[in-house]
Amino acid sequence: MRKPRSAAQWTGIALACVLVGVAWAARLGIAAQALHTPKLGPGATLDGRRPFPDDSPWNRDVSRLAVDPRSATLIASIGIDRPLHPDFGSNYQGHPMGIPYVVISGAQAKTQAPVTFENTDESDAGPYPIPADAPIEGGPDSDGDRHVIVVDRDNWKLYELFAAVPDRRGGFSQMRWKAYSGAIFDLSTGADRPAGFTSADAAGLPIFPGLVRYDEAVERKEIAHALRFTCRHSRRAYVSPARHFASRSQDESLPPMGMRVRLKAGVDTSSFPPTEQVIVKALKKYGMILADNGGDWYVSGAPDPRWNNDELASLKRLKGSDFEVVRMGELVTR
């Protein structure tokens, strides 16, 4: 017959159970943390982590805000019959379509010297932790905007360059970059640029938070932020959250940088494919913000070989007349 365990033995067993439980909890905690840690590399998922605080203009629900009194005039200046154009997708004729980005860890080595900027007065000096193989918008031989976007997942910082050109004469270990302008954003605070400052975008806004991304639209099936769009002609003015204008025209019928439009609530979107349903839902709830001069009603996104270009093209069924301008705050014209 087995002897009953003593009080000391029961105490030891209990302590062992506690230690095992703590160990498993730690393992589960690490696993959970890993599950919600953004991956690394070009186009990597953020696993649902959203840039900027909930009260950031990018993350604000504007579906019930008032319509701007001059909405009809401003929409007409862009084009009531012009279609919404998805300026992103999978590869086309061997080239990626959209504005690429790369996710790095906090261990990524900084460039050995600050990026050389043409616009030094309005650019953040850095340094910028740009990987040697960072994707450039349009590819390495592009003659377009050549944006380079880097997301530091550990320090939750965003680094963006416009007209970026790598200088590899010293090899990867001595990589240098040249760019027209650049900006660094703290994704935890969402602090604005100084008034009148540009960024890697004409409006002085961050680019990355306004992109349609595959990980959100397809994998998570939710876009919980405003999108970025362009138009051909803008006004010499900006409105918050923009900080900079990109026009000499004082025509009051033209839209200022930072103007937000949303898809009208009554527009029937039931016939769109599932992924595009996610996009149009975001356009109704968060809208899209004018960030640069470019194609009329061009909405920006990140390239991904898994996009279905034919389904994305269904967004062209939406016209300018399907949108309205959300009431704007004070215009800045100087």
C-alpha atoms as a PDB file:
ATOM      1  CA  MET A   1       0.000   0.000   0.000  1.00  0.00           C
ATOM      2  CA  ARG A   2       1.387   3.374  -1.132  1.00  0.00           C
ATOM      3  CA  LYS A   3       2.028   5.861   1.652  1.00  0.00           C
ATOM      4  CA  PRO A   4       0.124   9.136   1.523  1.00  0.00           C
ATOM      5  CA  ARG A   5       2.226  12.049   0.230  1.00  0.00           C
ATOM      6  CA  SER A   6       3.480  14.446   2.812  1.00  0.00           C
ATOM      7  CA  ALA A   7       2.640  18.150   2.865  1.00  0.00           C
ATOM      8  CA  ALA A   8       6.140  18.917   1.598  1.00  0.00           C
ATOM      9  CA  GLN A   9       5.686  16.532  -1.330  1.00  0.00           C
ATOM     10  CA  TRP A  10       2.361  18.106  -2.278  1.00  0.00           C
ATOM     11  CA  THR A  11       3.976  21.540  -2.083  1.00  0.00           C
ATOM     12  CA  GLY A  12       6.739  20.388  -4.413  1.00  0.00           C
ATOM     13  CA  ILE A  13       4.230  18.957  -6.898  1.00  0.00           C
ATOM     14  CA  ALA A  14       2.202  22.148  -6.849  1.00  0.00           C
ATOM     15  CA  LEU A  15       5.329  24.217  -7.425  1.00  0.00           C
ATOM     16  CA  ALA A  16       6.331  21.986 -10.326  1.00  0.00           C
ATOM     17  CA  CYS A  17       2.898  22.396 -11.903  1.00  0.00           C
ATOM     18  CA  VAL A  18       3.138  26.159 -11.561  1.00  0.00           C
ATOM     19  CA  LEU A  19       6.555  26.181 -13.214  1.00  0.00           C
ATOM     20  CA  VAL A  20       5.328  24.004 -16.076  1.00  0.00           C
ATOM     21  CA  GLY A  21       2.336  26.277 -16.502  1.00  0.00           C
ATOM     22  CA  VAL A  22       4.531  29.354 -16.561  1.00  0.00           C
ATOM     23  CA  ALA A  23       6.771  27.740 -19.158  1.00  0.00           C
ATOM     24  CA  TRP A  24       3.845  26.848 -21.402  1.00  0.00           C
ATOM     25  CA  ALA A  25       2.337  30.296 -20.954  1.00  0.00           C
ATOM     26  CA  ALA A  26       5.635  31.836 -21.985  1.00  0.00           C
ATOM     27  CA  ARG A  27       5.777  29.598 -25.042  1.00  0.00           C
ATOM     28  CA  LEU A  28       2.218  30.443 -25.997  1.00  0.00           C
ATOM     29  CA  GLY A  29       2.938  34.109 -25.411  1.00  0.00           C
ATOM     30  CA  ILE A  30       5.961  33.964 -27.692  1.00  0.00           C
ATOM     31  CA  ALA A  31       3.910  32.107 -30.283  1.00  0.00           C
ATOM     32  CA  ALA A  32       1.130  34.683 -30.075  1.00  0.00           C
ATOM     33  CA  GLN A  33       3.615  37.516 -30.317  1.00  0.00           C
ATOM     34  CA  ALA A  34       5.216  35.903 -33.359  1.00  0.00           C
ATOM     35  CA  LEU A  35       1.790  35.453 -34.910  1.00  0.00           C
ATOM     36  CA  HIS A  36       1.122  39.187 -34.648  1.00  0.00           C
ATOM     37  CA  THR A  37       4.617  40.364 -35.586  1.00  0.00           C
ATOM     38  CA  PRO A  38       4.802  41.727 -39.138  1.00  0.00           C
ATOM     39  CA  LYS A  39       6.899  39.588 -41.434  1.00  0.00           C
ATOM     40  CA  LEU A  40       9.966  40.848 -43.286  1.00  0.00           C
ATOM     41  CA  GLY A  41      10.710  41.615 -46.914  1.00  0.00           C
ATOM     42  CA  PRO A  42       9.100  43.326 -49.906  1.00  0.00           C
ATOM     43  CA  GLY A  43       5.313  43.458 -49.672  1.00  0.00           C
ATOM     44  CA  ALA A  44       5.298  41.627 -46.329  1.00  0.00           C
ATOM     45  CA  THR A  45       2.111  41.486 -44.292  1.00  0.00           C
ATOM     46  CA  LEU A  46       1.673  43.703 -41.248  1.00  0.00           C
ATOM     47  CA  ASP A  47      -0.652  41.044 -39.815  1.00  0.00           C
ATOM     48  CA  GLY A  48      -3.380  43.562 -39.057  1.00  0.00           C
ATOM     49  CA  ARG A  49      -1.193  46.182 -37.392  1.00  0.00           C
ATOM     50  CA  ARG A  50      -2.441  49.597 -38.509  1.00  0.00           C
ATOM     51  CA  PRO A  51      -0.171  52.643 -38.889  1.00  0.00           C
ATOM     52  CA  PHE A  52      -0.994  55.656 -36.726  1.00  0.00           C
ATOM     53  CA  PRO A  53      -3.396  55.991 -33.761  1.00  0.00           C
ATOM     54  CA  ASP A  54      -7.114  55.345 -34.111  1.00  0.00           C
ATOM     55  CA  ASP A  55      -7.888  59.076 -34.128  1.00  0.00           C
ATOM     56  CA  SER A  56      -5.492  59.764 -36.997  1.00  0.00           C
ATOM     57  CA  PRO A  57      -7.142  61.345 -40.073  1.00  0.00           C
ATOM     58  CA  TRP A  58      -6.110  58.254 -42.004  1.00  0.00           C
ATOM     59  CA  ASN A  59      -8.062  55.971 -39.659  1.00  0.00           C
ATOM     60  CA  ARG A  60     -11.135  58.122 -39.085  1.00  0.00           C
ATOM     61  CA  ASP A  61     -14.606  56.976 -40.132  1.00  0.00           C
ATOM     62  CA  VAL A  62     -15.942  59.787 -42.340  1.00  0.00           C
ATOM     63  CA  SER A  63     -19.055  58.049 -43.629  1.00  0.00           C
ATOM     64  CA  ARG A  64     -21.418  60.335 -41.680  1.00  0.00           C
ATOM     65  CA  LEU A  65     -19.583  63.637 -41.961  1.00  0.00           C
ATOM     66  CA  ALA A  66     -21.140  66.526 -43.861  1.00  0.00           C
ATOM     67  CA  VAL A  67     -20.628  67.025 -47.571  1.00  0.00           C
ATOM     68  CA  ASP A  68     -18.556  70.052 -48.558  1.00  0.00           C
ATOM     69  CA  PRO A  69     -20.711  72.869 -50.025  1.00  0.00           C
ATOM     70  CA  ARG A  70     -18.502  72.987 -53.126  1.00  0.00           C
ATOM     71  CA  SER A  71     -18.427  69.229 -53.638  1.00  0.00           C
ATOM     72  CA  ALA A  72     -20.125  69.210 -57.060  1.00  0.00           C
ATOM     73  CA  THR A  73     -17.726  71.817 -58.472  1.00  0.00           C
ATOM     74  CA  LEU A  74     -14.635  70.077 -57.136  1.00  0.00           C
ATOM     75  CA  ILE A  75     -15.737  66.645 -58.365  1.00  0.00           C
ATOM     76  CA  ALA A  76     -16.520  68.085 -61.800  1.00  0.00           C
ATOM     77  CA  SER A  77     -13.024  69.573 -62.057  1.00  0.00           C
ATOM     78  CA  ILE A  78     -11.572  66.060 -61.826  1.00  0.00           C
ATOM     79  CA  GLY A  79     -14.218  64.533 -64.066  1.00  0.00           C
ATOM     80  CA  ILE A  80     -17.690  63.237 -63.299  1.00  0.00           C
ATOM     81  CA  ASP A  81     -17.518  60.694 -66.135  1.00  0.00           C
ATOM     82  CA  ARG A  82     -13.915  59.636 -65.633  1.00  0.00           C
ATOM     83  CA  PRO A  83     -13.496  56.174 -64.074  1.00  0.00           C
ATOM     84  CA  LEU A  84     -11.778  55.221 -60.857  1.00  0.00           C
ATOM     85  CA  HIS A  85      -8.467  53.698 -61.915  1.00  0.00           C
ATOM     86  CA  PRO A  86      -6.668  51.088 -59.761  1.00  0.00           C
ATOM     87  CA  ASP A  87      -3.035  52.176 -60.170  1.00  0.00           C
ATOM     88  CA  PHE A  88      -1.684  48.858 -58.904  1.00  0.00           C
ATOM     89  CA  GLY A  89      -1.897  45.153 -59.562  1.00  0.00           C
ATOM     90  CA  SER A  90       0.221  42.154 -60.471  1.00  0.00           C
ATOM     91  CA  ASN A  91       3.042  42.262 -62.978  1.00  0.00           C
ATOM     92  CA  TYR A  92       2.246  43.794 -66.356  1.00  0.00           C
ATOM     93  CA  GLN A  93       4.631  43.339 -69.289  1.00  0.00           C
ATOM     94  CA  GLY A  94       7.327  42.271 -66.874  1.00  0.00           C
ATOM     95  CA  HIS A  95       6.992  45.249 -64.543  1.00  0.00           C
ATOM     96  CA  PRO A  96       5.263  45.500 -61.128  1.00  0.00           C
ATOM     97  CA  MET A  97       2.289  47.860 -60.978  1.00  0.00           C
ATOM     98  CA  GLY A  98       1.998  50.104 -57.941  1.00  0.00           C
ATOM     99  CA  ILE A  99       4.120  51.603 -55.196  1.00  0.00           C
ATOM    100  CA  PRO A 100       6.208  48.897 -53.501  1.00  0.00           C
ATOM    101  CA  TYR A 101       7.360  48.775 -49.899  1.00  0.00           C
ATOM    102  CA  VAL A 102       9.678  46.636 -47.808  1.00  0.00           C
ATOM    103  CA  VAL A 103       9.334  45.653 -44.138  1.00  0.00           C
ATOM    104  CA  ILE A 104      12.554  45.500 -42.122  1.00  0.00           C
ATOM    105  CA  SER A 105      13.512  44.661 -38.551  1.00  0.00           C
ATOM    106  CA  GLY A 106      15.089  47.076 -36.118  1.00  0.00           C
ATOM    107  CA  ALA A 107      18.396  45.297 -36.699  1.00  0.00           C
ATOM    108  CA  GLN A 108      18.617  46.523 -40.286  1.00  0.00           C
ATOM    109  CA  ALA A 109      21.867  48.451 -40.619  1.00  0.00           C
ATOM    110  CA  LYS A 110      21.483  52.153 -41.332  1.00  0.00           C
ATOM    111  CA  THR A 111      23.010  53.519 -44.489  1.00  0.00           C
ATOM    112  CA  GLN A 112      26.583  54.541 -43.758  1.00  0.00           C
ATOM    113  CA  ALA A 113      25.928  58.133 -44.777  1.00  0.00           C
ATOM    114  CA  PRO A 114      22.784  60.263 -44.925  1.00  0.00           C
ATOM    115  CA  VAL A 115      20.837  60.143 -48.157  1.00  0.00           C
ATOM    116  CA  THR A 116      21.845  63.003 -50.420  1.00  0.00           C
ATOM    117  CA  PHE A 117      18.752  65.142 -51.048  1.00  0.00           C
ATOM    118  CA  GLU A 118      18.119  67.716 -53.727  1.00  0.00           C
ATOM    119  CA  ASN A 119      15.468  69.345 -51.541  1.00  0.00           C
ATOM    120  CA  THR A 120      17.475  69.566 -48.351  1.00  0.00           C
ATOM    121  CA  ASP A 121      15.336  72.226 -46.649  1.00  0.00           C
ATOM    122  CA  GLU A 122      12.205  70.058 -46.420  1.00  0.00           C
ATOM    123  CA  SER A 123      13.740  66.595 -46.118  1.00  0.00           C
ATOM    124  CA  ASP A 124      14.530  64.646 -42.950  1.00  0.00           C
ATOM    125  CA  ALA A 125      18.268  64.018 -42.892  1.00  0.00           C
ATOM    126  CA  GLY A 126      18.053  60.435 -41.641  1.00  0.00           C
ATOM    127  CA  PRO A 127      19.944  58.155 -41.784  1.00  0.00           C
ATOM    128  CA  TYR A 128      17.530  55.852 -43.581  1.00  0.00           C
ATOM    129  CA  PRO A 129      17.707  52.067 -42.987  1.00  0.00           C
ATOM    130  CA  ILE A 130      17.314  51.129 -46.651  1.00  0.00           C
ATOM    131  CA  PRO A 131      18.131  47.528 -47.613  1.00  0.00           C
ATOM    132  CA  ALA A 132      20.451  47.129 -50.586  1.00  0.00           C
ATOM    133  CA  ASP A 133      17.686  45.346 -52.486  1.00  0.00           C
ATOM    134  CA  ALA A 134      14.864  47.746 -51.561  1.00  0.00           C
ATOM    135  CA  PRO A 135      12.251  47.812 -54.345  1.00  0.00           C
ATOM    136  CA  ILE A 136      11.973  51.020 -56.351  1.00  0.00           C
ATOM    137  CA  GLU A 137       8.635  52.097 -57.792  1.00  0.00           C
ATOM    138  CA  GLY A 138       8.618  51.183 -61.472  1.00  0.00           C
ATOM    139  CA  GLY A 139      11.745  49.078 -61.174  1.00  0.00           C
ATOM    140  CA  PRO A 140      15.459  49.960 -61.150  1.00  0.00           C
ATOM    141  CA  ASP A 141      15.334  51.571 -64.612  1.00  0.00           C
ATOM    142  CA  SER A 142      12.151  53.576 -64.035  1.00  0.00           C
ATOM    143  CA  ASP A 143      11.933  57.201 -65.151  1.00  0.00           C
ATOM    144  CA  GLY A 144       8.844  57.785 -62.995  1.00  0.00           C
ATOM    145  CA  ASP A 145       8.436  58.793 -59.348  1.00  0.00           C
ATOM    146  CA  ARG A 146      10.841  56.112 -58.084  1.00  0.00           C
ATOM    147  CA  HIS A 147       9.451  56.012 -54.552  1.00  0.00           C
ATOM    148  CA  VAL A 148      11.243  53.856 -51.992  1.00  0.00           C
ATOM    149  CA  ILE A 149       9.249  52.955 -48.866  1.00  0.00           C
ATOM    150  CA  VAL A 150      10.684  51.201 -45.808  1.00  0.00           C
ATOM    151  CA  VAL A 151       8.662  50.121 -42.764  1.00  0.00           C
ATOM    152  CA  ASP A 152      10.629  49.379 -39.581  1.00  0.00           C
ATOM    153  CA  ARG A 153       8.357  46.898 -37.801  1.00  0.00           C
ATOM    154  CA  ASP A 154      10.250  46.943 -34.488  1.00  0.00           C
ATOM    155  CA  ASN A 155      10.690  50.693 -34.032  1.00  0.00           C
ATOM    156  CA  TRP A 156       7.405  51.345 -35.884  1.00  0.00           C
ATOM    157  CA  LYS A 157       8.925  53.991 -38.131  1.00  0.00           C
ATOM    158  CA  LEU A 158       8.274  54.775 -41.764  1.00  0.00           C
ATOM    159  CA  TYR A 159      10.972  55.977 -44.172  1.00  0.00           C
ATOM    160  CA  GLU A 160      10.004  57.286 -47.616  1.00  0.00           C
ATOM    161  CA  LEU A 161      12.055  58.660 -50.527  1.00  0.00           C
ATOM    162  CA  PHE A 162      11.009  60.348 -53.773  1.00  0.00           C
ATOM    163  CA  ALA A 163      13.098  60.078 -56.963  1.00  0.00           C
ATOM    164  CA  ALA A 164      15.452  57.653 -55.228  1.00  0.00           C
ATOM    165  CA  VAL A 165      18.552  56.464 -57.059  1.00  0.00           C
ATOM    166  CA  PRO A 166      21.034  53.985 -55.522  1.00  0.00           C
ATOM    167  CA  ASP A 167      24.761  54.482 -55.937  1.00  0.00           C
ATOM    168  CA  ARG A 168      26.424  51.063 -55.859  1.00  0.00           C
ATOM    169  CA  ARG A 169      29.900  52.154 -56.903  1.00  0.00           C
ATOM    170  CA  GLY A 170      31.212  51.186 -53.475  1.00  0.00           C
ATOM    171  CA  GLY A 171      29.367  47.857 -53.438  1.00  0.00           C
ATOM    172  CA  PHE A 172      26.474  46.845 -51.185  1.00  0.00           C
ATOM    173  CA  SER A 173      28.568  47.423 -48.058  1.00  0.00           C
ATOM    174  CA  GLN A 174      28.988  51.092 -48.972  1.00  0.00           C
ATOM    175  CA  MET A 175      25.584  51.747 -50.507  1.00  0.00           C
ATOM    176  CA  ARG A 176      24.607  55.370 -50.977  1.00  0.00           C
ATOM    177  CA  TRP A 177      21.299  56.836 -52.122  1.00  0.00           C
ATOM    178  CA  LYS A 178      20.329  60.059 -53.818  1.00  0.00           C
ATOM    179  CA  ALA A 179      16.770  61.390 -53.773  1.00  0.00           C
ATOM    180  CA  TYR A 180      14.839  64.557 -54.418  1.00  0.00           C
ATOM    181  CA  SER A 181      13.120  64.470 -51.013  1.00  0.00           C
ATOM    182  CA  GLY A 182      12.471  62.199 -48.075  1.00  0.00           C
ATOM    183  CA  ALA A 183      10.531  62.005 -44.846  1.00  0.00           C
ATOM    184  CA  ILE A 184      10.467  59.923 -41.681  1.00  0.00           C
ATOM    185  CA  PHE A 185       7.195  59.246 -39.840  1.00  0.00           C
ATOM    186  CA  ASP A 186       6.578  57.863 -36.366  1.00  0.00           C
ATOM    187  CA  LEU A 187       3.795  55.349 -36.929  1.00  0.00           C
ATOM    188  CA  SER A 188       2.931  55.368 -33.214  1.00  0.00           C
ATOM    189  CA  THR A 189       2.068  59.068 -33.010  1.00  0.00           C
ATOM    190  CA  GLY A 190       1.095  60.128 -36.525  1.00  0.00           C
ATOM    191  CA  ALA A 191       2.743  63.526 -36.079  1.00  0.00           C
ATOM    192  CA  ASP A 192       2.323  65.844 -39.076  1.00  0.00           C
ATOM    193  CA  ARG A 193       5.096  67.366 -41.131  1.00  0.00           C
ATOM    194  CA  PRO A 194       5.823  71.052 -40.452  1.00  0.00           C
ATOM    195  CA  ALA A 195       3.404  73.387 -42.241  1.00  0.00           C
ATOM    196  CA  GLY A 196       4.500  73.979 -45.811  1.00  0.00           C
ATOM    197  CA  PHE A 197       6.807  70.934 -45.932  1.00  0.00           C
ATOM    198  CA  THR A 198       6.633  68.356 -48.657  1.00  0.00           C
ATOM    199  CA  SER A 199       7.556  64.708 -48.042  1.00  0.00           C
ATOM    200  CA  ALA A 200       8.138  61.920 -50.544  1.00  0.00           C
ATOM    201  CA  ASP A 201       4.650  62.902 -51.700  1.00  0.00           C
ATOM    202  CA  ALA A 202       3.551  66.278 -53.066  1.00  0.00           C
ATOM    203  CA  ALA A 203       1.016  66.875 -50.290  1.00  0.00           C
ATOM    204  CA  GLY A 204       3.549  66.338 -47.506  1.00  0.00           C
ATOM    205  CA  LEU A 205       1.709  63.176 -46.485  1.00  0.00           C
ATOM    206  CA  PRO A 206       2.996  59.659 -45.858  1.00  0.00           C
ATOM    207  CA  ILE A 207       2.382  57.327 -48.794  1.00  0.00           C
ATOM    208  CA  PHE A 208       2.353  53.910 -47.164  1.00  0.00           C
ATOM    209  CA  PRO A 209      -0.764  54.320 -44.951  1.00  0.00           C
ATOM    210  CA  GLY A 210      -2.879  55.144 -48.021  1.00  0.00           C
ATOM    211  CA  LEU A 211      -1.962  52.154 -50.177  1.00  0.00           C
ATOM    212  CA  VAL A 212      -4.313  49.321 -51.052  1.00  0.00           C
ATOM    213  CA  ARG A 213      -2.333  46.299 -49.874  1.00  0.00           C
ATOM    214  CA  TYR A 214      -2.832  42.624 -50.661  1.00  0.00           C
ATOM    215  CA  ASP A 215      -2.486  41.534 -47.035  1.00  0.00           C
ATOM    216  CA  GLU A 216      -5.436  43.743 -46.057  1.00  0.00           C
ATOM    217  CA  ALA A 217      -7.750  43.460 -49.048  1.00  0.00           C
ATOM    218  CA  VAL A 218      -7.339  39.735 -49.715  1.00  0.00           C
ATOM    219  CA  GLU A 219      -5.868  38.040 -46.652  1.00  0.00           C
ATOM    220  CA  ARG A 220      -7.607  39.953 -43.856  1.00  0.00           C
ATOM    221  CA  LYS A 221     -10.551  41.106 -45.985  1.00  0.00           C
ATOM    222  CA  GLU A 222     -10.606  44.539 -44.347  1.00  0.00           C
ATOM    223  CA  ILE A 223      -9.108  47.928 -45.141  1.00  0.00           C
ATOM    224  CA  ALA A 224      -9.473  50.151 -42.066  1.00  0.00           C
ATOM    225  CA  HIS A 225      -7.968  53.397 -43.361  1.00  0.00           C
ATOM    226  CA  ALA A 226      -8.301  56.021 -46.062  1.00  0.00           C
ATOM    227  CA  LEU A 227      -6.691  55.485 -49.458  1.00  0.00           C
ATOM    228  CA  ARG A 228      -4.412  57.707 -51.529  1.00  0.00           C
ATOM    229  CA  PHE A 229      -5.432  59.129 -54.908  1.00  0.00           C
ATOM    230  CA  THR A 230      -4.221  61.600 -57.519  1.00  0.00           C
ATOM    231  CA  CYS A 231      -5.699  64.011 -60.038  1.00  0.00           C
ATOM    232  CA  ARG A 232      -4.233  65.836 -63.010  1.00  0.00           C
ATOM    233  CA  HIS A 233      -4.916  69.435 -61.958  1.00  0.00           C
ATOM    234  CA  SER A 234      -4.912  70.745 -58.382  1.00  0.00           C
ATOM    235  CA  ARG A 235      -5.099  74.123 -56.698  1.00  0.00           C
ATOM    236  CA  ARG A 236      -2.323  76.115 -55.057  1.00  0.00           C
ATOM    237  CA  ALA A 237      -3.732  75.238 -51.635  1.00  0.00           C
ATOM    238  CA  TYR A 238      -3.851  72.451 -49.112  1.00  0.00           C
ATOM    239  CA  VAL A 239      -6.131  71.359 -46.306  1.00  0.00           C
ATOM    240  CA  SER A 240      -5.375  69.151 -43.299  1.00  0.00           C
ATOM    241  CA  PRO A 241      -3.996  66.513 -43.139  1.00  0.00           C
ATOM    242  CA  ALA A 242      -1.893  67.718 -46.106  1.00  0.00           C
ATOM    243  CA  ARG A 243       0.956  70.131 -45.420  1.00  0.00           C
ATOM    244  CA  HIS A 244       2.003  71.206 -48.912  1.00  0.00           C
ATOM    245  CA  PHE A 245       0.535  72.140 -52.307  1.00  0.00           C
ATOM    246  CA  ALA A 246       1.870  71.274 -55.745  1.00  0.00           C
ATOM    247  CA  SER A 247       0.327  73.766 -58.151  1.00  0.00           C
ATOM    248  CA  ARG A 248       0.578  77.376 -59.242  1.00  0.00           C
ATOM    249  CA  SER A 249      -3.084  77.634 -60.183  1.00  0.00           C
ATOM    250  CA  GLN A 250      -5.350  79.709 -57.959  1.00  0.00           C
ATOM    251  CA  ASP A 251      -8.488  78.419 -59.675  1.00  0.00           C
ATOM    252  CA  GLU A 252     -10.951  77.844 -56.819  1.00  0.00           C
ATOM    253  CA  SER A 253     -12.760  75.141 -58.764  1.00  0.00           C
ATOM    254  CA  LEU A 254      -9.699  72.885 -58.518  1.00  0.00           C
ATOM    255  CA  PRO A 255      -9.138  70.566 -55.548  1.00  0.00           C
ATOM    256  CA  PRO A 256      -6.554  71.364 -52.864  1.00  0.00           C
ATOM    257  CA  MET A 257      -4.103  68.766 -51.648  1.00  0.00           C
ATOM    258  CA  GLY A 258      -5.521  66.850 -48.696  1.00  0.00           C
ATOM    259  CA  MET A 259      -9.087  66.986 -50.007  1.00  0.00           C
ATOM    260  CA  ARG A 260     -10.955  63.833 -49.010  1.00  0.00           C
ATOM    261  CA  VAL A 261     -13.638  62.224 -51.112  1.00  0.00           C
ATOM    262  CA  ARG A 262     -15.802  59.227 -50.276  1.00  0.00           C
ATOM    263  CA  LEU A 263     -17.943  56.879 -52.280  1.00  0.00           C
ATOM    264  CA  LYS A 264     -21.579  57.885 -51.904  1.00  0.00           C
ATOM    265  CA  ALA A 265     -23.525  55.683 -49.526  1.00  0.00           C
ATOM    266  CA  GLY A 266     -26.228  54.993 -52.102  1.00  0.00           C
ATOM    267  CA  VAL A 267     -23.898  53.591 -54.775  1.00  0.00           C
ATOM    268  CA  ASP A 268     -24.743  49.933 -55.397  1.00  0.00           C
ATOM    269  CA  THR A 269     -21.553  47.901 -55.003  1.00  0.00           C
ATOM    270  CA  SER A 270     -23.124  44.453 -54.636  1.00  0.00           C
ATOM    271  CA  SER A 271     -21.930  43.198 -58.035  1.00  0.00           C
ATOM    272  CA  PHE A 272     -18.208  43.718 -57.368  1.00  0.00           C
ATOM    273  CA  PRO A 273     -15.958  40.677 -56.782  1.00  0.00           C
ATOM    274  CA  PRO A 274     -15.144  39.870 -53.126  1.00  0.00           C
ATOM    275  CA  THR A 275     -11.763  41.612 -52.998  1.00  0.00           C
ATOM    276  CA  GLU A 276     -13.124  44.725 -54.672  1.00  0.00           C
ATOM    277  CA  GLN A 277     -16.012  44.684 -52.196  1.00  0.00           C
ATOM    278  CA  VAL A 278     -13.397  45.232 -49.475  1.00  0.00           C
ATOM    279  CA  ILE A 279     -11.962  48.204 -51.369  1.00  0.00           C
ATOM    280  CA  VAL A 280     -15.282  49.911 -52.073  1.00  0.00           C
ATOM    281  CA  LYS A 281     -16.358  49.412 -48.465  1.00  0.00           C
ATOM    282  CA  ALA A 282     -13.245  51.327 -47.372  1.00  0.00           C
ATOM    283  CA  LEU A 283     -14.029  54.047 -49.916  1.00  0.00           C
ATOM    284  CA  LYS A 284     -17.442  54.529 -48.316  1.00  0.00           C
ATOM    285  CA  LYS A 285     -16.236  54.466 -44.713  1.00  0.00           C
ATOM    286  CA  TYR A 286     -12.784  56.122 -44.863  1.00  0.00           C
ATOM    287  CA  GLY A 287     -12.684  57.671 -48.339  1.00  0.00           C
ATOM    288  CA  MET A 288      -9.517  58.640 -50.161  1.00  0.00           C
ATOM    289  CA  ILE A 289      -7.213  61.631 -49.784  1.00  0.00           C
ATOM    290  CA  LEU A 290      -5.729  63.699 -52.612  1.00  0.00           C
ATOM    291  CA  ALA A 291      -1.967  63.348 -52.248  1.00  0.00           C
ATOM    292  CA  ASP A 292      -0.310  64.171 -55.572  1.00  0.00           C
ATOM    293  CA  ASN A 293      -0.760  65.301 -59.141  1.00  0.00           C
ATOM    294  CA  GLY A 294      -1.166  62.389 -61.532  1.00  0.00           C
ATOM    295  CA  GLY A 295      -3.883  60.531 -63.362  1.00  0.00           C
ATOM    296  CA  ASP A 296      -7.451  61.558 -62.577  1.00  0.00           C
ATOM    297  CA  TRP A 297      -9.080  59.278 -59.987  1.00  0.00           C
ATOM    298  CA  TYR A 298      -5.986  57.051 -59.790  1.00  0.00           C
ATOM    299  CA  VAL A 299      -6.142  55.171 -56.495  1.00  0.00           C
ATOM    300  CA  SER A 300      -2.783  53.904 -55.223  1.00  0.00           C
ATOM    301  CA  GLY A 301      -1.816  50.441 -54.100  1.00  0.00           C
ATOM    302  CA  ALA A 302       1.161  48.147 -53.632  1.00  0.00           C
ATOM    303  CA  PRO A 303       2.149  45.641 -56.311  1.00  0.00           C
ATOM    304  CA  ASP A 304       1.738  41.934 -55.659  1.00  0.00           C
ATOM    305  CA  PRO A 305       1.917  39.052 -58.167  1.00  0.00           C
ATOM    306  CA  ARG A 306      -1.207  37.558 -56.595  1.00  0.00           C
ATOM    307  CA  TRP A 307      -3.531  40.450 -57.533  1.00  0.00           C
ATOM    308  CA  ASN A 308      -6.195  39.541 -60.087  1.00  0.00           C
ATOM    309  CA  ASN A 309      -5.919  42.386 -62.596  1.00  0.00           C
ATOM    310  CA  ASP A 310      -9.181  41.506 -64.333  1.00  0.00           C
ATOM    311  CA  GLU A 311     -11.094  41.754 -61.072  1.00  0.00           C
ATOM    312  CA  LEU A 312      -9.330  44.975 -60.083  1.00  0.00           C
ATOM    313  CA  ALA A 313     -10.421  46.434 -63.422  1.00  0.00           C
ATOM    314  CA  SER A 314     -14.032  46.136 -62.241  1.00  0.00           C
ATOM    315  CA  LEU A 315     -13.355  49.204 -60.074  1.00  0.00           C
ATOM    316  CA  LYS A 316     -13.398  51.237 -63.286  1.00  0.00           C
ATOM    317  CA  ARG A 317     -17.170  50.918 -63.232  1.00  0.00           C
ATOM    318  CA  LEU A 318     -17.111  53.635 -60.571  1.00  0.00           C
ATOM    319  CA  LYS A 319     -17.127  57.176 -61.975  1.00  0.00           C
ATOM    320  CA  GLY A 320     -16.342  60.573 -60.540  1.00  0.00           C
ATOM    321  CA  SER A 321     -20.052  61.196 -60.133  1.00  0.00           C
ATOM    322  CA  ASP A 322     -20.173  58.345 -57.600  1.00  0.00           C
ATOM    323  CA  PHE A 323     -18.019  60.356 -55.181  1.00  0.00           C
ATOM    324  CA  GLU A 324     -18.564  63.386 -52.961  1.00  0.00           C
ATOM    325  CA  VAL A 325     -16.180  65.694 -51.105  1.00  0.00           C
ATOM    326  CA  VAL A 326     -16.152  65.438 -47.321  1.00  0.00           C
ATOM    327  CA  ARG A 327     -16.478  68.877 -45.742  1.00  0.00           C
ATOM    328  CA  MET A 328     -13.043  70.485 -45.556  1.00  0.00           C
ATOM    329  CA  GLY A 329     -11.446  72.605 -42.885  1.00  0.00           C
ATOM    330  CA  GLU A 330      -9.476  75.790 -43.401  1.00  0.00           C
ATOM    331  CA  LEU A 331      -7.578  76.136 -46.663  1.00  0.00           C
ATOM    332  CA  VAL A 332      -3.917  77.125 -46.596  1.00  0.00           C
ATOM    333  CA  THR A 333      -2.837  79.055 -49.699  1.00  0.00           C
ATOM    334  CA  ARG A 334       0.624  80.268 -48.776  1.00  0.00           C
END
